[in-house]
Amino acid sequence: MKRIMTLGVVAVFGVSMLTGCGESGGGETATPENITGAWVLESATGPKGDVVIVEGTTPELTVEDEGAFHGTAGCNNLFGTVRAEGDKLLFGPVASTMMACDEPIMDAEYAYVSALDVVTSGTISGDSLVLKGDDAELKFKRG
C-alpha cells in the first residue's frame, strides 16, 4: 500500500512539473518586481518589423524598484513606467529624448520603441528575459 501511494505521488508530481513547464515557456512570469535591473537587447521583432541592432549601439532597458524604467534605444534615451494589470505586464507610455541620429539607427530605434510599447507579457529564466505582445517579441540578457 505504501509503494502504491508513493508511485501515485511521484506520478502526480511528474505531471504537475510537465504541465508547469509547458505553460511557463521555460521560465516564470515576468513582473515589475522580478525583472528589476539592467537588460541588454539581443534580438527583437515588433509591429514595425525586425529590430536591427546597429553596430556601435547597444539598446538597453533598466527596470527600477519603483516601477519606472529607463534605457537607450541606440541613440535616444527612453523612460517610462512598467506595471502589472491583472495578468498583463505593460510598459509605457514610452517617452524618449529627441536627438537625431543616422537613419539606420533611427529606424532601429523606432522599431524597438514600437515593440516595447505593445508588450503585454513576459517570462524570465535565469539571466534571460523575453517580452511579448501583439506581433512583438523582445529577447534580453541581464546586463
C-alpha atoms as a PDB file:
ATOM      1  CA  MET A   1       0.000   0.000   0.000  1.00  0.00           C
ATOM      2  CA  LYS A   2       2.840   2.383   0.864  1.00  0.00           C
ATOM      3  CA  ARG A   3       4.511   1.714  -2.525  1.00  0.00           C
ATOM      4  CA  ILE A   4       1.294   2.436  -4.464  1.00  0.00           C
ATOM      5  CA  MET A   5       0.833   5.734  -2.599  1.00  0.00           C
ATOM      6  CA  THR A   6       4.465   6.715  -3.306  1.00  0.00           C
ATOM      7  CA  LEU A   7       4.076   5.938  -7.017  1.00  0.00           C
ATOM      8  CA  GLY A   8       0.859   7.981  -7.093  1.00  0.00           C
ATOM      9  CA  VAL A   9       2.586  10.984  -5.516  1.00  0.00           C
ATOM     10  CA  VAL A  10       5.507  10.680  -7.966  1.00  0.00           C
ATOM     11  CA  ALA A  11       3.097  10.432 -10.929  1.00  0.00           C
ATOM     12  CA  VAL A  12       1.089  13.492  -9.825  1.00  0.00           C
ATOM     13  CA  PHE A  13       4.286  15.453  -9.184  1.00  0.00           C
ATOM     14  CA  GLY A  14       5.674  14.477 -12.599  1.00  0.00           C
ATOM     15  CA  VAL A  15       2.522  15.515 -14.433  1.00  0.00           C
ATOM     16  CA  SER A  16       2.475  18.811 -12.489  1.00  0.00           C
ATOM     17  CA  MET A  17       6.076  19.522 -13.464  1.00  0.00           C
ATOM     18  CA  LEU A  18       5.441  18.792 -17.150  1.00  0.00           C
ATOM     19  CA  THR A  19       2.297  20.897 -17.204  1.00  0.00           C
ATOM     20  CA  GLY A  20       4.025  23.766 -15.422  1.00  0.00           C
ATOM     21  CA  CYS A  21       6.933  23.752 -17.846  1.00  0.00           C
ATOM     22  CA  GLY A  22       4.620  23.773 -20.835  1.00  0.00           C
ATOM     23  CA  GLU A  23       2.611  26.717 -19.565  1.00  0.00           C
ATOM     24  CA  SER A  24       5.508  28.867 -18.472  1.00  0.00           C
ATOM     25  CA  GLY A  25       7.581  28.511 -21.625  1.00  0.00           C
ATOM     26  CA  GLY A  26      10.629  27.584 -19.573  1.00  0.00           C
ATOM     27  CA  GLY A  27      10.555  30.464 -17.103  1.00  0.00           C
ATOM     28  CA  GLU A  28       8.487  32.303 -14.581  1.00  0.00           C
ATOM     29  CA  THR A  29       6.047  35.068 -15.395  1.00  0.00           C
ATOM     30  CA  ALA A  30       7.769  38.455 -15.583  1.00  0.00           C
ATOM     31  CA  THR A  31       6.586  41.088 -13.122  1.00  0.00           C
ATOM     32  CA  PRO A  32       7.902  44.596 -12.450  1.00  0.00           C
ATOM     33  CA  GLU A  33       9.478  43.198  -9.268  1.00  0.00           C
ATOM     34  CA  ASN A  34      11.354  40.208 -10.696  1.00  0.00           C
ATOM     35  CA  ILE A  35      12.737  42.000 -13.774  1.00  0.00           C
ATOM     36  CA  THR A  36      14.347  44.804 -11.764  1.00  0.00           C
ATOM     37  CA  GLY A  37      17.838  45.536 -13.041  1.00  0.00           C
ATOM     38  CA  ALA A  38      19.683  46.156 -16.286  1.00  0.00           C
ATOM     39  CA  TRP A  39      18.933  44.260 -19.519  1.00  0.00           C
ATOM     40  CA  VAL A  40      20.645  44.329 -22.919  1.00  0.00           C
ATOM     41  CA  LEU A  41      18.591  43.669 -26.051  1.00  0.00           C
ATOM     42  CA  GLU A  42      19.760  40.628 -28.032  1.00  0.00           C
ATOM     43  CA  SER A  43      17.047  40.470 -30.694  1.00  0.00           C
ATOM     44  CA  ALA A  44      13.547  41.714 -31.314  1.00  0.00           C
ATOM     45  CA  THR A  45      10.678  41.857 -33.724  1.00  0.00           C
ATOM     46  CA  GLY A  46       7.746  44.176 -33.461  1.00  0.00           C
ATOM     47  CA  PRO A  47       4.765  45.649 -35.232  1.00  0.00           C
ATOM     48  CA  LYS A  48       7.124  47.820 -37.311  1.00  0.00           C
ATOM     49  CA  GLY A  49       9.355  44.861 -38.280  1.00  0.00           C
ATOM     50  CA  ASP A  50      12.625  43.419 -37.083  1.00  0.00           C
ATOM     51  CA  VAL A  51      14.691  45.491 -34.695  1.00  0.00           C
ATOM     52  CA  VAL A  52      18.113  45.703 -36.321  1.00  0.00           C
ATOM     53  CA  ILE A  53      20.821  46.249 -33.731  1.00  0.00           C
ATOM     54  CA  VAL A  54      23.142  48.664 -35.484  1.00  0.00           C
ATOM     55  CA  GLU A  55      26.857  48.135 -34.920  1.00  0.00           C
ATOM     56  CA  GLY A  56      28.138  50.502 -32.245  1.00  0.00           C
ATOM     57  CA  THR A  57      24.755  50.766 -30.483  1.00  0.00           C
ATOM     58  CA  THR A  58      23.517  48.805 -27.517  1.00  0.00           C
ATOM     59  CA  PRO A  59      19.785  49.017 -26.831  1.00  0.00           C
ATOM     60  CA  GLU A  60      19.329  48.660 -23.075  1.00  0.00           C
ATOM     61  CA  LEU A  61      16.493  48.603 -20.568  1.00  0.00           C
ATOM     62  CA  THR A  62      16.797  49.161 -16.818  1.00  0.00           C
ATOM     63  CA  VAL A  63      13.787  48.487 -14.590  1.00  0.00           C
ATOM     64  CA  GLU A  64      13.812  50.292 -11.244  1.00  0.00           C
ATOM     65  CA  ASP A  65      12.265  49.122  -7.954  1.00  0.00           C
ATOM     66  CA  GLU A  66       9.576  51.797  -8.123  1.00  0.00           C
ATOM     67  CA  GLY A  67       8.104  50.528 -11.412  1.00  0.00           C
ATOM     68  CA  ALA A  68       9.950  53.015 -13.579  1.00  0.00           C
ATOM     69  CA  PHE A  69      12.220  52.091 -16.463  1.00  0.00           C
ATOM     70  CA  HIS A  70      14.872  53.883 -18.467  1.00  0.00           C
ATOM     71  CA  GLY A  71      17.367  52.906 -21.095  1.00  0.00           C
ATOM     72  CA  THR A  72      18.648  53.641 -24.533  1.00  0.00           C
ATOM     73  CA  ALA A  73      17.429  52.660 -27.945  1.00  0.00           C
ATOM     74  CA  GLY A  74      20.814  53.217 -29.572  1.00  0.00           C
ATOM     75  CA  CYS A  75      20.706  56.990 -29.916  1.00  0.00           C
ATOM     76  CA  ASN A  76      17.997  58.394 -27.667  1.00  0.00           C
ATOM     77  CA  ASN A  77      17.262  57.725 -24.028  1.00  0.00           C
ATOM     78  CA  LEU A  78      13.971  56.040 -23.118  1.00  0.00           C
ATOM     79  CA  PHE A  79      11.942  56.258 -19.945  1.00  0.00           C
ATOM     80  CA  GLY A  80       8.507  55.411 -18.619  1.00  0.00           C
ATOM     81  CA  THR A  81       6.705  53.073 -16.265  1.00  0.00           C
ATOM     82  CA  VAL A  82       6.250  49.320 -16.129  1.00  0.00           C
ATOM     83  CA  ARG A  83       3.254  47.891 -14.306  1.00  0.00           C
ATOM     84  CA  ALA A  84       1.220  44.766 -13.859  1.00  0.00           C
ATOM     85  CA  GLU A  85      -2.502  44.933 -14.632  1.00  0.00           C
ATOM     86  CA  GLY A  86      -4.133  41.614 -13.843  1.00  0.00           C
ATOM     87  CA  ASP A  87      -2.086  39.034 -15.720  1.00  0.00           C
ATOM     88  CA  LYS A  88      -0.580  41.639 -18.076  1.00  0.00           C
ATOM     89  CA  LEU A  89       2.823  43.331 -17.985  1.00  0.00           C
ATOM     90  CA  LEU A  90       2.650  46.791 -19.546  1.00  0.00           C
ATOM     91  CA  PHE A  91       5.372  49.281 -20.472  1.00  0.00           C
ATOM     92  CA  GLY A  92       4.529  52.872 -21.137  1.00  0.00           C
ATOM     93  CA  PRO A  93       3.777  55.249 -22.208  1.00  0.00           C
ATOM     94  CA  VAL A  94       7.308  55.114 -23.578  1.00  0.00           C
ATOM     95  CA  ALA A  95       8.933  58.549 -23.817  1.00  0.00           C
ATOM     96  CA  SER A  96      12.319  59.426 -25.272  1.00  0.00           C
ATOM     97  CA  THR A  97      14.736  62.232 -25.884  1.00  0.00           C
ATOM     98  CA  MET A  98      14.609  63.704 -29.390  1.00  0.00           C
ATOM     99  CA  MET A  99      18.167  63.622 -30.747  1.00  0.00           C
ATOM    100  CA  ALA A 100      18.633  62.978 -34.449  1.00  0.00           C
ATOM    101  CA  CYS A 101      20.958  60.166 -35.497  1.00  0.00           C
ATOM    102  CA  ASP A 102      21.815  58.352 -38.700  1.00  0.00           C
ATOM    103  CA  GLU A 103      18.772  56.880 -40.444  1.00  0.00           C
ATOM    104  CA  PRO A 104      19.579  53.179 -39.743  1.00  0.00           C
ATOM    105  CA  ILE A 105      19.820  53.922 -36.020  1.00  0.00           C
ATOM    106  CA  MET A 106      16.593  55.941 -36.058  1.00  0.00           C
ATOM    107  CA  ASP A 107      14.797  53.136 -37.917  1.00  0.00           C
ATOM    108  CA  ALA A 108      16.030  50.569 -35.365  1.00  0.00           C
ATOM    109  CA  GLU A 109      15.007  52.860 -32.513  1.00  0.00           C
ATOM    110  CA  TYR A 110      11.505  53.320 -33.907  1.00  0.00           C
ATOM    111  CA  ALA A 111      11.091  49.546 -34.281  1.00  0.00           C
ATOM    112  CA  TYR A 112      12.399  48.944 -30.709  1.00  0.00           C
ATOM    113  CA  VAL A 113      10.120  51.541 -29.082  1.00  0.00           C
ATOM    114  CA  SER A 114       7.136  50.302 -31.119  1.00  0.00           C
ATOM    115  CA  ALA A 115       7.782  46.736 -29.915  1.00  0.00           C
ATOM    116  CA  LEU A 116       8.240  47.765 -26.272  1.00  0.00           C
ATOM    117  CA  ASP A 117       5.051  49.811 -26.438  1.00  0.00           C
ATOM    118  CA  VAL A 118       2.886  46.734 -27.257  1.00  0.00           C
ATOM    119  CA  VAL A 119       4.341  44.355 -24.624  1.00  0.00           C
ATOM    120  CA  THR A 120       1.651  42.567 -22.618  1.00  0.00           C
ATOM    121  CA  SER A 121       3.567  39.664 -21.044  1.00  0.00           C
ATOM    122  CA  GLY A 122       6.979  38.246 -20.363  1.00  0.00           C
ATOM    123  CA  THR A 123       8.974  35.385 -18.940  1.00  0.00           C
ATOM    124  CA  ILE A 124      12.216  35.427 -17.026  1.00  0.00           C
ATOM    125  CA  SER A 125      14.562  32.474 -16.785  1.00  0.00           C
ATOM    126  CA  GLY A 126      17.956  32.958 -15.158  1.00  0.00           C
ATOM    127  CA  ASP A 127      19.671  35.807 -16.995  1.00  0.00           C
ATOM    128  CA  SER A 128      17.177  35.824 -19.893  1.00  0.00           C
ATOM    129  CA  LEU A 129      14.073  37.966 -20.281  1.00  0.00           C
ATOM    130  CA  VAL A 130      11.546  37.594 -23.102  1.00  0.00           C
ATOM    131  CA  LEU A 131       8.840  40.218 -23.501  1.00  0.00           C
ATOM    132  CA  LYS A 132       5.885  39.581 -25.831  1.00  0.00           C
ATOM    133  CA  GLY A 133       2.939  41.469 -27.239  1.00  0.00           C
ATOM    134  CA  ASP A 134       0.918  41.792 -30.433  1.00  0.00           C
ATOM    135  CA  ASP A 135       3.383  40.999 -33.234  1.00  0.00           C
ATOM    136  CA  ALA A 136       6.291  41.606 -30.851  1.00  0.00           C
ATOM    137  CA  GLU A 137       8.979  39.591 -29.109  1.00  0.00           C
ATOM    138  CA  LEU A 138      11.999  41.145 -27.407  1.00  0.00           C
ATOM    139  CA  LYS A 139      14.829  38.996 -26.047  1.00  0.00           C
ATOM    140  CA  PHE A 140      17.179  40.426 -23.422  1.00  0.00           C
ATOM    141  CA  LYS A 141      20.166  39.214 -21.421  1.00  0.00           C
ATOM    142  CA  ARG A 142      20.926  40.591 -17.973  1.00  0.00           C
ATOM    143  CA  GLY A 143      23.374  43.487 -18.401  1.00  0.00           C
END
